Protein backbone atom coordinates (compact mmCIF):
# COMPACT_ATOMS: atom_id res chain seq x y z
CA UNK A 1 32.03 34.05 -55.51
CA UNK A 2 35.15 32.19 -53.47
CA UNK A 3 36.73 32.90 -50.44
CA UNK A 4 40.32 33.83 -50.58
CA UNK A 5 42.66 31.80 -52.65
CA UNK A 6 39.46 29.28 -53.62
CA UNK A 7 39.88 31.69 -57.40
CA UNK A 8 40.72 29.38 -60.49
CA UNK A 9 40.46 29.84 -64.21
CA UNK A 10 37.74 29.82 -65.37
CA UNK A 11 37.57 31.08 -69.12
CA UNK A 12 35.22 33.90 -69.55
CA UNK A 13 33.50 33.09 -66.30
CA UNK A 14 34.62 36.08 -63.97
CA UNK A 15 35.55 34.47 -60.65
CA UNK A 16 35.83 37.20 -57.37
CA UNK A 17 37.28 36.60 -53.87
CA UNK A 18 36.36 38.05 -51.17
CA UNK A 19 36.23 37.13 -47.66
CA UNK A 20 34.61 34.23 -45.51
CA UNK A 21 33.50 34.00 -42.57
CA UNK A 22 34.04 37.34 -42.38
CA UNK A 23 32.31 39.51 -44.68
CA UNK A 24 35.15 42.74 -46.36
CA UNK A 25 34.65 45.65 -48.58
CA UNK A 26 35.29 42.70 -51.07
CA UNK A 27 31.93 41.12 -50.53
CA UNK A 28 30.10 44.30 -50.78
CA UNK A 29 31.91 45.60 -54.14
CA UNK A 30 31.04 41.56 -55.07
CA UNK A 31 27.38 42.68 -54.57
CA UNK A 32 26.93 45.76 -55.90
CA UNK A 33 29.33 44.24 -59.27
CA UNK A 34 26.82 41.21 -59.61
CA UNK A 35 23.56 43.52 -58.38
CA UNK A 36 24.81 45.80 -61.63
CA UNK A 37 25.63 43.31 -63.64
CA UNK A 38 21.47 42.13 -63.78
CA UNK A 39 20.33 45.85 -65.07
CA UNK A 40 21.42 45.10 -68.70
CA UNK A 41 19.76 41.40 -68.84
CA UNK A 42 17.00 41.03 -71.06
CA UNK A 43 13.90 38.58 -71.27
CA UNK A 44 15.19 36.21 -72.92
CA UNK A 45 18.05 36.24 -71.21
CA UNK A 46 19.54 33.61 -69.22
CA UNK A 47 21.40 33.26 -65.46
CA UNK A 48 23.05 30.41 -64.03
CA UNK A 49 24.07 30.70 -60.20
CA UNK A 50 25.27 28.23 -58.23
CA UNK A 51 24.80 29.51 -54.54
CA UNK A 52 26.69 27.63 -51.37
CA UNK A 53 27.53 27.82 -48.26
CA UNK A 54 28.95 31.25 -47.29
CA UNK A 55 27.12 33.62 -49.59
CA UNK A 56 25.97 35.83 -47.19
CA UNK A 57 29.07 36.83 -46.20
CA UNK A 58 30.86 36.35 -49.64
CA UNK A 59 28.50 39.15 -51.06
CA UNK A 60 26.94 40.95 -48.62
CA UNK A 61 25.36 44.23 -48.76
CA UNK A 62 23.90 45.62 -45.33
CA UNK A 63 20.39 47.74 -44.92
CA UNK A 64 19.44 51.04 -43.11
CA UNK A 65 21.82 52.33 -40.41
CA UNK A 66 23.70 48.88 -40.55
CA UNK A 67 27.28 49.32 -41.56
CA UNK A 68 30.00 45.98 -42.82
CA UNK A 69 31.69 46.97 -39.04
CA UNK A 70 27.78 46.19 -37.64
CA UNK A 71 28.00 42.48 -40.46
CA UNK A 72 30.88 41.35 -38.86
CA UNK A 73 29.95 42.25 -35.19
CA UNK A 74 26.78 39.67 -36.31
CA UNK A 75 28.81 37.65 -37.76
CA UNK A 76 31.22 37.28 -35.10
CA UNK A 77 28.43 37.02 -32.56
CA UNK A 78 26.76 33.87 -34.45
CA UNK A 79 30.20 32.01 -35.09
CA UNK A 80 30.46 32.38 -31.43
CA UNK A 81 27.20 31.43 -30.49
CA UNK A 82 27.56 28.10 -32.98
CA UNK A 83 24.02 28.94 -34.50
CA UNK A 84 22.09 27.06 -36.83
CA UNK A 85 22.41 27.97 -40.38
CA UNK A 86 18.85 28.37 -40.18
CA UNK A 87 19.15 31.29 -37.86
CA UNK A 88 21.74 32.51 -39.99
CA UNK A 89 20.14 33.10 -42.88
CA UNK A 90 17.29 34.29 -41.19
CA UNK A 91 18.85 37.03 -39.50
CA UNK A 92 20.79 37.84 -42.84
CA UNK A 93 17.51 38.87 -44.33
CA UNK A 94 16.71 41.02 -41.56
CA UNK A 95 20.18 42.79 -42.28
CA UNK A 96 20.66 42.87 -46.47
CA UNK A 97 19.49 43.19 -49.77
CA UNK A 98 21.17 40.19 -50.70
């Protein structure tokens, strides 16, 4: 996962792009694709995942009655508030599966 315009050829590794810092429909698609990919794994399969800043925008899966528009509004409010990364993480855990 990377933000728009930052994908590079990576051989057999699939690179997905989505919006950052505000999630978009591709962010939900990416989260669904990654969740679906893990369904076929066996106990002896090895998965290496590298997560860095921006994961909550690049891969988002709002829960309950929260829509993508709601998630985008929360992101805009957090950006405007200069919230710390710890606050972002706490709120994301409340609103997302990812």
